Amino acid sequence: MKPLNDDNKNALQALTTEADAAKRELESIMRGIADARRIFARNPSDESRRKMEEQEKEGSAANDRFNKIVESMATLLELTEEELEATDATETSGDDPPRYHREQLTADQVAPTGEDVGVLLARSFDRLLRLIPKSTLSEYQASELDAPWLKGTNGLISIVKGVAPESEYPQKHRFAQCVGESRAWLMNAPGYDMFAGASLIPQIARLAERLDVLLEIPGAKKRVRSLWQGSSRDVDSTMFELLVAAGCAAKGRSVEFLEPSGEKTPDLRCHDPYPLVIECKRKRVLTEYELIEERAMRELFGKLDARAREAGMWGTFSLHLSVESRAAPVDEIITCLLQMRFASDSNGRAIYSWGTATYTESDRLVNIGCQTRMYSPMMLNAVFDWNSDLAEWDGLVCRVGNYEESVVDMAEEPVGLLWTNSSEQAIKKRSWGPMSTLREAIEQIPPGEFGIPYVAYQEGARSAIADMRTFNFAEWLKESSHPANIRVPFARIFRLYPRPLEHGAPDFIESSMNFIPDYGDNILPGLFPSTVIVH
């Protein structure tokens, strides 16, 4: 971009004024297009079609005028191809700068935004508690808090996609878990579940902080009450809906919650810049395939752990499977892993028909190097070489002998299994994208409406799988379509990266991507929130 002299600055100011006027004109016309399309969808006739096509023609001309002004601004500024591409990428990705690869979404790559989540939670949590009936809070307080390795697993913890299944699928009501873990974090309670808290605490903190603006939205109070009155299974999706609504209101949009009816009913109606609807969908963290795979690896580790302890064998087994877990010869694998103790090279890789394996021996007592929570990321990294911020493995299953201690500086009798599955079927089934979730969101848009899908999914897979998911989804979008009687000016996809770091503190990265069809524009996405949980 060239330096601007006074004449250039005046010309740019004039073009900016023209662009603002053209943008207001386009927004006004879009409201008419939305009305005309709804009328045609509900009462198709030659007359309603003619009026709709006239409005669309007028909108296309207004859009062309706006784009020509933008082109004139780019010419005046003498923007390079690289600068233009960077601008387009930002508009398309949602993130600034764009981040598509998993390795770009780590604590050292993404600077913290806003204030510390603990400070935010401490300041706002009581506002949320005041909305919850005292009887419900008493019931929540009576339920015990336990870390996942104390929930009948005898100290075993299994992590897959960054979550512990016991934390993600609690036996108590999900909102009771939200309240309990928030309290535990604020009180530094020994029973705090850092794997649940990494996801729940940032969401609860933001929800509580935005209650003032949220409760002004028509229909929001009933939706908030459904967090504790409704199904435990719906809590995560309901929180996402509430956070999207609050984010829209914070951006100055006029929105309201819609009551479900017998027909297609999206979550929100937005009244500006022109009438449209918003449908929110959040995908469950683990698929049935991933849960079955995790259970298989947990069962394998249970047998391996028992025999390793009998033999006084401490350390970490690393397993690269080339067959699906259901086809893995468990007893043979365990025998081969245990025999690695006698290998001449203790860190050497052994190759088998079902994959490869290594064994890293450790002492019976491993010095962690500091005092930390049991199974904290700091401990898991020191003892089992597990990176909680950017996992290199599909999962970890492990156990230490002193698991009943809440704070430790030594790991006693550690046995761990790092595992990865590179079979074609496993990769295919674990690299699913949010295609079906986005399709379901679009299906909720009523005929004749403009609709914006807000879709979220939690990412915790290793980089190769996470990147495959992102780029497969981008390719799928190029070939996708939707019914002709609706319009989707843009879709926003949220990739959520909650994970505990260091001594168990919750850390939450929220990365959004915009997908804009050929008939869409690059103005509308900027009027809606690109993040809803973190600033």
Protein backbone atom coordinates (compact mmCIF):
# COMPACT_ATOMS: atom_id res chain seq x y z
CA MET A 1 0.00 0.00 0.00
CA LYS A 2 1.40 3.36 -1.03
CA PRO A 3 1.87 6.32 1.34
CA LEU A 4 -0.97 8.84 1.05
CA ASN A 5 -0.55 12.56 0.40
CA ASP A 6 -3.26 15.10 1.22
CA ASP A 7 -5.00 14.71 -2.14
CA ASN A 8 -5.03 10.93 -1.75
CA LYS A 9 -6.45 11.22 1.77
CA ASN A 10 -9.24 13.51 0.57
CA ALA A 11 -10.05 11.15 -2.29
CA LEU A 12 -10.10 8.19 0.09
CA GLN A 13 -12.41 10.06 2.47
CA ALA A 14 -14.79 10.79 -0.43
CA LEU A 15 -14.80 7.13 -1.49
CA THR A 16 -15.37 6.03 2.10
CA THR A 17 -18.41 8.33 2.29
CA GLU A 18 -19.70 6.86 -1.00
CA ALA A 19 -19.11 3.32 0.29
CA ASP A 20 -21.02 4.01 3.50
CA ALA A 21 -23.97 5.40 1.51
CA ALA A 22 -23.90 2.43 -0.89
CA LYS A 23 -23.79 0.04 2.05
CA ARG A 24 -26.86 1.67 3.64
CA GLU A 25 -28.67 1.51 0.29
CA LEU A 26 -27.79 -2.17 -0.08
CA GLU A 27 -29.01 -2.99 3.44
CA SER A 28 -32.32 -1.24 2.72
CA ILE A 29 -32.81 -3.14 -0.53
CA MET A 30 -31.93 -6.45 1.16
CA ARG A 31 -34.81 -5.97 3.57
CA GLY A 32 -37.14 -5.67 0.59
CA ILE A 33 -35.62 -8.78 -1.01
CA ALA A 34 -36.13 -10.75 2.21
CA ASP A 35 -39.80 -9.71 2.36
CA ALA A 36 -40.36 -10.49 -1.34
CA ARG A 37 -38.80 -13.94 -1.01
CA ARG A 38 -40.91 -14.82 2.01
CA ILE A 39 -44.08 -13.75 0.18
CA PHE A 40 -43.16 -15.80 -2.88
CA ALA A 41 -42.25 -18.90 -0.81
CA ARG A 42 -45.57 -18.79 1.03
CA ASN A 43 -47.76 -17.76 -1.93
CA PRO A 44 -45.99 -18.51 -5.24
CA SER A 45 -47.58 -16.68 -8.18
CA ASP A 46 -46.47 -14.85 -11.31
CA GLU A 47 -46.98 -11.52 -9.57
CA SER A 48 -45.03 -12.43 -6.42
CA ARG A 49 -42.24 -13.90 -8.59
CA ARG A 50 -42.07 -10.70 -10.68
CA LYS A 51 -41.79 -8.50 -7.58
CA MET A 52 -39.13 -10.77 -6.09
CA GLU A 53 -37.05 -10.74 -9.29
CA GLU A 54 -37.32 -6.94 -9.51
CA GLN A 55 -36.05 -6.61 -5.95
CA GLU A 56 -33.21 -9.05 -6.64
CA LYS A 57 -32.22 -7.15 -9.80
CA GLU A 58 -32.17 -3.89 -7.83
CA GLY A 59 -30.06 -5.56 -5.12
CA SER A 60 -27.59 -6.93 -7.66
CA ALA A 61 -27.13 -3.47 -9.17
CA ALA A 62 -26.61 -1.91 -5.73
CA ASN A 63 -24.06 -4.60 -4.87
CA ASP A 64 -22.20 -3.92 -8.13
CA ARG A 65 -22.07 -0.20 -7.29
CA PHE A 66 -20.67 -0.96 -3.84
CA ASN A 67 -18.02 -3.33 -5.24
CA LYS A 68 -16.89 -0.73 -7.81
CA ILE A 69 -16.34 1.78 -5.00
CA VAL A 70 -14.29 -0.79 -3.09
CA GLU A 71 -12.25 -1.49 -6.24
CA SER A 72 -11.62 2.25 -6.63
CA MET A 73 -10.36 2.38 -3.03
CA ALA A 74 -8.00 -0.54 -3.69
CA THR A 75 -6.69 1.18 -6.85
CA LEU A 76 -6.17 4.46 -5.00
CA LEU A 77 -4.24 2.68 -2.24
CA GLU A 78 -2.29 0.63 -4.83
CA LEU A 79 -2.81 -2.57 -2.84
CA THR A 80 -0.57 -5.44 -3.89
CA GLU A 81 -1.89 -8.89 -4.82
CA GLU A 82 -0.62 -10.20 -1.48
CA GLU A 83 -2.49 -7.48 0.43
CA LEU A 84 -5.68 -8.15 -1.51
CA GLU A 85 -5.35 -11.90 -0.89
CA ALA A 86 -4.77 -11.28 2.83
CA THR A 87 -7.91 -9.13 2.97
CA ASP A 88 -9.96 -11.79 1.17
CA ALA A 89 -8.58 -14.53 3.44
CA THR A 90 -9.54 -12.59 6.56
CA GLU A 91 -13.06 -12.05 5.25
CA THR A 92 -13.39 -15.73 4.41
CA SER A 93 -11.75 -17.24 7.48
CA GLY A 94 -13.30 -15.25 10.30
CA ASP A 95 -10.01 -15.28 12.23
CA ASP A 96 -7.60 -12.38 11.90
CA PRO A 97 -5.02 -13.50 10.94
CA PRO A 98 -6.53 -16.62 9.29
CA ARG A 99 -5.64 -19.86 11.07
CA TYR A 100 -6.48 -23.06 9.25
CA HIS A 101 -3.87 -25.48 10.59
CA ARG A 102 -4.08 -27.05 14.04
CA GLU A 103 -0.49 -26.12 14.88
CA GLN A 104 -1.46 -22.44 14.52
CA LEU A 105 -3.96 -22.80 17.37
CA THR A 106 -1.84 -23.25 20.48
CA ALA A 107 -1.23 -21.17 23.59
CA ASP A 108 2.01 -19.69 22.22
CA GLN A 109 0.47 -18.91 18.79
CA VAL A 110 -2.79 -17.29 19.93
CA ALA A 111 -2.41 -14.32 22.25
CA PRO A 112 -4.83 -14.13 25.20
CA THR A 113 -7.78 -11.80 24.66
CA GLY A 114 -9.79 -10.02 27.32
CA GLU A 115 -9.23 -10.72 30.98
CA ASP A 116 -8.29 -13.90 32.81
CA VAL A 117 -11.16 -16.39 32.86
CA GLY A 118 -10.80 -16.83 36.63
CA VAL A 119 -11.21 -13.09 37.19
CA LEU A 120 -14.19 -12.98 34.84
CA LEU A 121 -15.83 -15.95 36.56
CA ALA A 122 -15.23 -14.55 40.05
CA ARG A 123 -16.84 -11.26 39.07
CA SER A 124 -19.89 -12.61 37.26
CA PHE A 125 -20.68 -16.09 38.65
CA ASP A 126 -22.98 -14.88 41.44
CA ARG A 127 -25.24 -13.22 38.85
CA LEU A 128 -25.93 -16.61 37.33
CA LEU A 129 -26.43 -18.31 40.71
CA ARG A 130 -29.10 -15.76 41.64
CA LEU A 131 -31.23 -16.98 38.71
CA ILE A 132 -31.15 -20.63 39.81
CA PRO A 133 -33.77 -21.80 42.35
CA LYS A 134 -32.34 -22.39 45.83
CA SER A 135 -33.71 -25.94 45.85
CA THR A 136 -31.81 -26.69 42.65
CA LEU A 137 -28.59 -25.21 44.03
CA SER A 138 -28.98 -27.27 47.22
CA GLU A 139 -29.39 -30.38 45.12
CA TYR A 140 -26.27 -29.49 43.13
CA GLN A 141 -24.22 -28.89 46.28
CA ALA A 142 -25.20 -32.30 47.62
CA SER A 143 -23.70 -34.06 44.59
CA GLU A 144 -20.07 -34.99 45.07
CA LEU A 145 -17.21 -33.62 43.01
CA ASP A 146 -14.65 -36.16 41.94
CA ALA A 147 -11.85 -36.13 39.42
CA PRO A 148 -12.37 -38.67 36.58
CA TRP A 149 -9.66 -41.04 37.88
CA LEU A 150 -11.56 -41.36 41.18
CA LYS A 151 -14.86 -42.37 39.57
CA GLY A 152 -14.52 -46.12 39.86
CA THR A 153 -11.45 -46.42 37.64
CA ASN A 154 -8.88 -47.13 40.40
CA GLY A 155 -6.68 -44.26 39.33
CA LEU A 156 -6.84 -44.88 35.59
CA ILE A 157 -7.36 -41.86 33.36
CA SER A 158 -8.03 -42.00 29.64
CA ILE A 159 -7.76 -38.94 27.40
CA VAL A 160 -8.98 -38.90 23.81
CA LYS A 161 -9.39 -35.75 21.68
CA GLY A 162 -8.37 -33.78 24.75
CA VAL A 163 -11.26 -34.97 26.94
CA ALA A 164 -11.78 -37.64 29.56
CA PRO A 165 -15.00 -39.53 28.72
CA GLU A 166 -16.05 -39.57 32.40
CA SER A 167 -15.87 -35.75 32.36
CA GLU A 168 -17.69 -35.33 29.07
CA TYR A 169 -20.53 -37.71 29.95
CA PRO A 170 -21.14 -37.15 33.68
CA GLN A 171 -23.59 -39.21 35.69
CA LYS A 172 -25.00 -36.00 37.18
CA HIS A 173 -26.93 -33.35 35.24
CA ARG A 174 -24.60 -31.49 32.88
CA PHE A 175 -25.57 -28.06 34.27
CA ALA A 176 -24.96 -29.31 37.81
CA GLN A 177 -21.47 -30.19 36.59
CA CYS A 178 -21.10 -26.65 35.13
CA VAL A 179 -21.98 -25.05 38.46
CA GLY A 180 -19.96 -27.52 40.53
CA GLU A 181 -16.76 -27.22 38.50
CA SER A 182 -17.04 -23.41 38.44
CA ARG A 183 -17.29 -23.37 42.24
CA ALA A 184 -14.45 -25.87 42.57
CA TRP A 185 -12.17 -23.76 40.38
CA LEU A 186 -12.93 -20.58 42.32
CA MET A 187 -12.32 -22.38 45.64
CA ASN A 188 -9.26 -24.29 44.38
CA ALA A 189 -11.01 -27.45 45.57
CA PRO A 190 -9.08 -30.75 45.38
CA GLY A 191 -12.01 -32.43 43.59
CA TYR A 192 -11.85 -29.99 40.65
CA ASP A 193 -12.05 -31.81 37.30
CA MET A 194 -9.66 -29.89 35.05
CA PHE A 195 -10.71 -31.83 31.94
CA ALA A 196 -14.36 -30.80 32.36
CA GLY A 197 -13.48 -27.31 33.57
CA ALA A 198 -11.39 -26.48 30.49
CA SER A 199 -14.56 -26.41 28.40
CA LEU A 200 -17.26 -25.51 30.92
CA ILE A 201 -15.66 -22.67 32.91
CA PRO A 202 -14.95 -20.28 29.99
CA GLN A 203 -18.52 -20.81 28.73
CA ILE A 204 -20.10 -20.25 32.14
CA ALA A 205 -17.91 -17.19 32.75
CA ARG A 206 -18.93 -15.59 29.44
CA LEU A 207 -22.60 -16.53 29.88
CA ALA A 208 -22.70 -15.01 33.37
CA GLU A 209 -20.82 -11.90 32.23
CA ARG A 210 -23.35 -11.26 29.44
CA LEU A 211 -26.51 -11.90 31.44
CA ASP A 212 -27.45 -8.22 31.49
CA VAL A 213 -27.59 -7.97 27.71
CA LEU A 214 -28.86 -11.52 27.29
CA LEU A 215 -31.91 -11.18 29.55
CA GLU A 216 -33.09 -8.18 27.51
CA ILE A 217 -33.55 -10.47 24.50
CA PRO A 218 -37.16 -11.68 24.11
CA GLY A 219 -37.43 -15.36 24.98
CA ALA A 220 -34.00 -15.53 26.63
CA LYS A 221 -35.20 -15.99 30.20
CA LYS A 222 -37.07 -19.16 29.30
CA ARG A 223 -34.06 -20.45 27.37
CA VAL A 224 -31.76 -19.75 30.34
CA ARG A 225 -34.11 -21.62 32.70
CA SER A 226 -33.99 -24.64 30.39
CA LEU A 227 -30.33 -25.08 31.36
CA TRP A 228 -31.41 -26.61 34.68
CA GLN A 229 -35.01 -27.51 33.85
CA GLY A 230 -34.29 -29.28 30.56
CA SER A 231 -32.44 -32.40 29.55
CA SER A 232 -28.81 -32.83 30.59
CA ARG A 233 -27.99 -33.78 26.99
CA ASP A 234 -29.19 -30.37 25.72
CA VAL A 235 -27.10 -28.18 28.04
CA ASP A 236 -24.09 -27.72 25.72
CA SER A 237 -26.22 -26.85 22.69
CA THR A 238 -28.43 -24.50 24.75
CA MET A 239 -25.38 -22.67 26.12
CA PHE A 240 -24.13 -22.21 22.57
CA GLU A 241 -27.50 -20.75 21.49
CA LEU A 242 -27.46 -18.33 24.43
CA LEU A 243 -23.88 -17.27 23.76
CA VAL A 244 -24.61 -16.66 20.07
CA ALA A 245 -27.67 -14.57 20.97
CA ALA A 246 -25.69 -12.55 23.52
CA GLY A 247 -22.90 -12.05 21.00
CA CYS A 248 -25.37 -10.79 18.40
CA ALA A 249 -26.87 -8.34 20.90
CA ALA A 250 -23.39 -7.15 21.90
CA LYS A 251 -22.74 -6.41 18.21
CA GLY A 252 -25.88 -4.25 18.14
CA ARG A 253 -28.21 -6.72 16.45
CA SER A 254 -31.89 -6.90 17.44
CA VAL A 255 -32.64 -10.59 18.03
CA GLU A 256 -35.28 -12.73 19.72
CA PHE A 257 -35.60 -16.42 20.53
CA LEU A 258 -38.26 -18.30 18.59
CA GLU A 259 -40.55 -20.86 20.21
CA PRO A 260 -40.38 -24.30 18.57
CA SER A 261 -43.45 -25.13 16.48
CA GLY A 262 -44.63 -27.97 14.29
CA GLU A 263 -42.90 -26.39 11.29
CA LYS A 264 -39.21 -25.61 10.79
CA THR A 265 -38.21 -23.29 13.60
CA PRO A 266 -34.74 -21.79 13.80
CA ASP A 267 -33.36 -20.62 17.15
CA LEU A 268 -33.28 -16.86 16.58
CA ARG A 269 -34.98 -14.16 14.57
CA CYS A 270 -32.75 -11.18 13.74
CA HIS A 271 -34.45 -7.95 12.65
CA ASP A 272 -31.48 -6.03 11.28
CA PRO A 273 -29.80 -5.13 8.99
CA TYR A 274 -32.69 -6.97 7.31
CA PRO A 275 -34.97 -9.77 8.53
CA LEU A 276 -33.23 -13.12 8.77
CA VAL A 277 -33.03 -16.17 11.04
CA ILE A 278 -30.10 -17.81 12.85
CA GLU A 279 -29.85 -21.52 13.51
CA CYS A 280 -27.27 -22.75 16.05
CA LYS A 281 -25.91 -26.29 16.10
CA ARG A 282 -23.18 -27.75 18.28
CA LYS A 283 -21.81 -31.21 17.56
CA ARG A 284 -21.10 -33.68 20.34
CA VAL A 285 -17.39 -33.99 21.13
CA LEU A 286 -16.96 -37.74 20.62
CA THR A 287 -18.68 -39.84 18.00
CA GLU A 288 -19.86 -43.37 18.72
CA TYR A 289 -16.88 -44.72 16.76
CA GLU A 290 -14.44 -42.68 18.87
CA LEU A 291 -16.10 -43.88 22.09
CA ILE A 292 -15.87 -47.52 20.97
CA GLU A 293 -12.23 -47.02 20.01
CA GLU A 294 -11.46 -45.39 23.37
CA ARG A 295 -13.10 -48.27 25.26
CA ALA A 296 -11.03 -50.77 23.27
CA MET A 297 -7.79 -48.98 24.14
CA ARG A 298 -8.83 -48.64 27.77
CA GLU A 299 -9.49 -52.39 27.93
CA LEU A 300 -6.13 -53.13 26.32
CA PHE A 301 -4.38 -50.88 28.81
CA GLY A 302 -6.19 -52.46 31.76
CA LYS A 303 -4.68 -55.85 30.92
CA LEU A 304 -1.29 -54.37 30.04
CA ASP A 305 -1.17 -52.33 33.26
CA ALA A 306 -1.95 -55.33 35.46
CA ARG A 307 0.78 -57.48 33.91
CA ALA A 308 3.34 -54.65 33.82
CA ARG A 309 2.82 -54.02 37.53
CA GLU A 310 3.20 -57.72 38.30
CA ALA A 311 6.55 -57.59 36.52
CA GLY A 312 7.59 -54.32 38.18
CA MET A 313 7.70 -52.66 34.77
CA TRP A 314 7.32 -48.84 34.90
CA GLY A 315 7.27 -46.45 31.98
CA THR A 316 5.42 -45.54 28.79
CA PHE A 317 4.38 -47.86 25.98
CA SER A 318 3.86 -46.14 22.60
CA LEU A 319 1.61 -47.97 20.19
CA HIS A 320 1.04 -47.11 16.49
CA LEU A 321 -1.77 -49.33 15.23
CA SER A 322 -2.18 -49.99 11.51
CA VAL A 323 -5.43 -51.94 12.02
CA GLU A 324 -8.72 -50.78 13.54
CA SER A 325 -8.91 -51.22 17.30
CA ARG A 326 -11.71 -53.79 16.99
CA ALA A 327 -9.43 -55.95 14.82
CA ALA A 328 -6.36 -55.54 17.03
CA PRO A 329 -5.08 -58.82 18.58
CA VAL A 330 -5.09 -57.57 22.17
CA ASP A 331 -3.35 -60.50 23.87
CA GLU A 332 -0.63 -60.64 21.21
CA ILE A 333 -0.04 -56.88 21.47
CA ILE A 334 0.28 -57.05 25.25
CA THR A 335 2.74 -59.94 25.06
CA CYS A 336 4.86 -58.08 22.49
CA LEU A 337 4.82 -54.88 24.54
CA LEU A 338 5.93 -56.65 27.70
CA GLN A 339 8.74 -58.44 25.85
CA MET A 340 10.18 -55.06 24.83
CA ARG A 341 11.68 -54.82 28.31
CA PHE A 342 14.34 -57.25 27.17
CA ALA A 343 15.16 -55.45 23.91
CA SER A 344 18.78 -54.38 23.52
CA ASP A 345 17.67 -50.83 22.70
CA SER A 346 15.11 -49.77 25.32
CA ASN A 347 13.82 -46.98 23.03
CA GLY A 348 13.96 -49.00 19.80
CA ARG A 349 10.88 -49.41 17.61
CA ALA A 350 9.55 -52.89 16.99
CA ILE A 351 7.52 -53.64 13.85
CA TYR A 352 4.61 -56.10 13.82
CA SER A 353 1.77 -57.06 11.46
CA TRP A 354 -0.63 -54.85 13.44
CA GLY A 355 1.64 -51.80 13.75
CA THR A 356 4.72 -50.61 15.61
CA ALA A 357 5.58 -50.09 19.27
CA THR A 358 8.21 -48.62 21.55
CA TYR A 359 8.79 -48.75 25.29
CA THR A 360 10.43 -46.03 27.37
CA GLU A 361 11.38 -47.29 30.80
CA SER A 362 11.14 -45.03 33.83
CA ASP A 363 12.08 -45.24 37.47
CA ARG A 364 9.58 -46.49 40.03
CA LEU A 365 9.50 -42.93 41.41
CA VAL A 366 9.53 -40.11 38.83
CA ASN A 367 10.35 -36.58 39.94
CA ILE A 368 7.87 -34.20 38.26
CA GLY A 369 9.99 -31.16 39.03
CA CYS A 370 7.36 -29.17 40.87
CA GLN A 371 4.23 -29.56 42.96
CA THR A 372 1.18 -29.86 40.76
CA ARG A 373 -2.32 -31.36 40.61
CA MET A 374 -2.61 -35.08 40.07
CA TYR A 375 -2.64 -35.78 36.31
CA SER A 376 -2.18 -32.11 35.47
CA PRO A 377 -0.74 -31.31 32.00
CA MET A 378 2.54 -30.52 33.76
CA MET A 379 2.59 -34.00 35.31
CA LEU A 380 1.43 -35.84 32.17
CA ASN A 381 4.16 -34.17 30.13
CA ALA A 382 6.90 -34.89 32.67
CA VAL A 383 5.91 -38.52 33.24
CA PHE A 384 4.33 -39.70 29.96
CA ASP A 385 5.48 -37.08 27.40
CA TRP A 386 1.86 -36.05 26.71
CA ASN A 387 1.38 -32.55 25.26
CA SER A 388 -2.03 -31.22 26.31
CA ASP A 389 -1.77 -28.11 24.13
CA LEU A 390 -1.00 -29.90 20.86
CA ALA A 391 -1.42 -33.65 21.13
CA GLU A 392 0.78 -35.83 18.92
CA TRP A 393 -1.22 -38.97 19.73
CA ASP A 394 -4.84 -40.05 19.40
CA GLY A 395 -5.02 -40.88 23.07
CA LEU A 396 -3.34 -41.59 26.38
CA VAL A 397 -4.34 -44.13 29.02
CA CYS A 398 -2.29 -44.17 32.21
CA ARG A 399 -2.19 -44.86 35.93
CA VAL A 400 0.14 -43.99 38.79
CA GLY A 401 0.27 -45.69 42.16
CA ASN A 402 -0.28 -42.54 44.23
CA TYR A 403 -3.39 -41.41 42.31
CA GLU A 404 -5.35 -40.70 45.53
CA GLU A 405 -3.11 -37.71 46.32
CA SER A 406 -4.54 -34.42 45.04
CA VAL A 407 -1.22 -32.56 44.79
CA VAL A 408 2.06 -34.32 43.97
CA ASP A 409 5.68 -33.72 43.11
CA MET A 410 6.46 -37.40 42.45
CA ALA A 411 4.70 -40.02 40.32
CA GLU A 412 4.82 -43.48 41.87
CA GLU A 413 4.87 -46.61 39.71
CA PRO A 414 3.76 -44.92 36.47
CA VAL A 415 2.44 -47.03 33.60
CA GLY A 416 1.15 -45.30 30.46
CA LEU A 417 0.00 -46.13 26.95
CA LEU A 418 0.24 -43.55 24.18
CA TRP A 419 -1.68 -44.71 21.12
CA THR A 420 -2.32 -43.71 17.54
CA ASN A 421 -4.34 -45.50 14.87
CA SER A 422 -3.29 -44.90 11.27
CA SER A 423 -5.53 -47.49 9.60
CA GLU A 424 -7.46 -46.16 6.63
CA GLN A 425 -10.86 -46.80 8.20
CA ALA A 426 -9.93 -45.27 11.56
CA ILE A 427 -8.62 -42.09 9.91
CA LYS A 428 -11.69 -41.84 7.71
CA LYS A 429 -14.07 -42.21 10.66
CA ARG A 430 -12.12 -39.89 12.98
CA SER A 431 -11.65 -37.11 10.41
CA TRP A 432 -15.40 -36.49 10.11
CA GLY A 433 -16.34 -32.90 9.41
CA PRO A 434 -19.35 -30.87 10.52
CA MET A 435 -21.08 -31.48 7.17
CA SER A 436 -24.15 -33.20 8.59
CA THR A 437 -24.39 -30.61 11.39
CA LEU A 438 -24.31 -27.72 8.92
CA ARG A 439 -26.85 -29.52 6.72
CA GLU A 440 -29.19 -29.92 9.71
CA ALA A 441 -28.83 -26.21 10.49
CA ILE A 442 -29.70 -25.23 6.92
CA GLU A 443 -32.73 -27.54 6.97
CA GLN A 444 -34.16 -25.47 9.84
CA ILE A 445 -34.35 -22.33 7.66
CA PRO A 446 -37.99 -21.84 6.61
CA PRO A 447 -38.85 -21.32 2.91
CA GLY A 448 -38.44 -17.74 1.78
CA GLU A 449 -36.05 -16.80 4.57
CA PHE A 450 -32.49 -15.59 4.74
CA GLY A 451 -30.71 -17.77 7.30
CA ILE A 452 -27.29 -17.82 8.96
CA PRO A 453 -26.07 -21.15 10.34
CA TYR A 454 -23.82 -20.96 13.40
CA VAL A 455 -22.14 -24.37 13.79
CA ALA A 456 -19.64 -25.36 16.51
CA TYR A 457 -17.56 -28.43 17.11
CA GLN A 458 -14.86 -29.17 19.66
CA GLU A 459 -11.47 -30.09 18.26
CA GLY A 460 -8.90 -32.08 20.20
CA ALA A 461 -7.45 -34.47 17.65
CA ARG A 462 -3.81 -34.52 16.63
CA SER A 463 -2.82 -32.10 13.87
CA ALA A 464 -3.01 -34.54 10.95
CA ILE A 465 -6.60 -35.51 11.77
CA ALA A 466 -7.72 -31.97 12.70
CA ASP A 467 -6.30 -30.49 9.49
CA MET A 468 -7.83 -33.25 7.39
CA ARG A 469 -11.21 -32.43 8.94
CA THR A 470 -10.86 -28.70 8.18
CA PHE A 471 -9.77 -29.09 4.57
CA ASN A 472 -12.17 -31.93 3.77
CA PHE A 473 -14.96 -29.68 4.98
CA ALA A 474 -13.75 -26.77 2.85
CA GLU A 475 -13.68 -29.04 -0.22
CA TRP A 476 -17.16 -30.37 0.56
CA LEU A 477 -18.53 -26.83 0.72
CA LYS A 478 -17.40 -26.12 -2.84
CA GLU A 479 -19.76 -28.83 -4.10
CA SER A 480 -22.60 -28.32 -1.62
CA SER A 481 -25.96 -26.69 -2.32
CA HIS A 482 -29.17 -25.79 -0.52
CA PRO A 483 -32.87 -25.51 -1.49
CA ALA A 484 -33.58 -22.71 -3.97
CA ASN A 485 -36.34 -21.25 -1.78
CA ILE A 486 -33.92 -20.09 0.96
CA ARG A 487 -30.81 -17.91 1.04
CA VAL A 488 -27.71 -18.46 3.18
CA PRO A 489 -25.68 -15.23 2.91
CA PHE A 490 -22.91 -16.78 4.98
CA ALA A 491 -22.23 -19.61 7.43
CA ARG A 492 -19.96 -19.36 10.44
CA ILE A 493 -18.13 -22.43 11.73
CA PHE A 494 -16.54 -22.41 15.19
CA ARG A 495 -13.68 -24.74 16.04
CA LEU A 496 -13.38 -24.92 19.81
CA TYR A 497 -10.11 -25.85 21.52
CA PRO A 498 -10.61 -26.18 25.28
CA ARG A 499 -7.84 -27.87 27.24
CA PRO A 500 -6.21 -27.61 30.66
CA LEU A 501 -2.69 -26.23 30.67
CA GLU A 502 0.23 -26.36 33.09
CA HIS A 503 -1.25 -27.08 36.55
CA GLY A 504 -4.80 -27.55 35.24
CA ALA A 505 -5.89 -23.98 34.44
CA PRO A 506 -8.64 -23.83 31.80
CA ASP A 507 -7.57 -22.45 28.43
CA PHE A 508 -10.01 -21.95 25.56
CA ILE A 509 -9.18 -21.04 21.96
CA GLU A 510 -12.11 -20.22 19.70
CA SER A 511 -11.39 -20.13 15.96
CA SER A 512 -14.07 -19.18 13.45
CA MET A 513 -14.30 -19.62 9.70
CA ASN A 514 -16.77 -17.87 7.39
CA PHE A 515 -18.11 -19.51 4.26
CA ILE A 516 -19.70 -17.08 1.82
CA PRO A 517 -21.59 -18.29 -1.30
CA ASP A 518 -21.26 -16.62 -4.69
CA TYR A 519 -24.40 -14.56 -4.10
CA GLY A 520 -23.29 -13.48 -0.60
CA ASP A 521 -21.33 -10.40 0.36
CA ASN A 522 -18.43 -9.61 2.65
CA ILE A 523 -20.29 -6.96 4.64
CA LEU A 524 -22.81 -9.05 6.56
CA PRO A 525 -20.29 -11.28 8.44
CA GLY A 526 -18.80 -8.21 10.10
CA LEU A 527 -22.19 -7.34 11.61
CA PHE A 528 -22.36 -10.62 13.55
CA PRO A 529 -20.07 -12.05 16.24
CA SER A 530 -17.01 -13.95 15.05
CA THR A 531 -16.42 -15.24 18.59
CA VAL A 532 -19.04 -15.89 21.27
CA ILE A 533 -17.07 -17.42 24.16
CA VAL A 534 -13.78 -15.51 24.14
CA HIS A 535 -13.16 -11.95 22.96
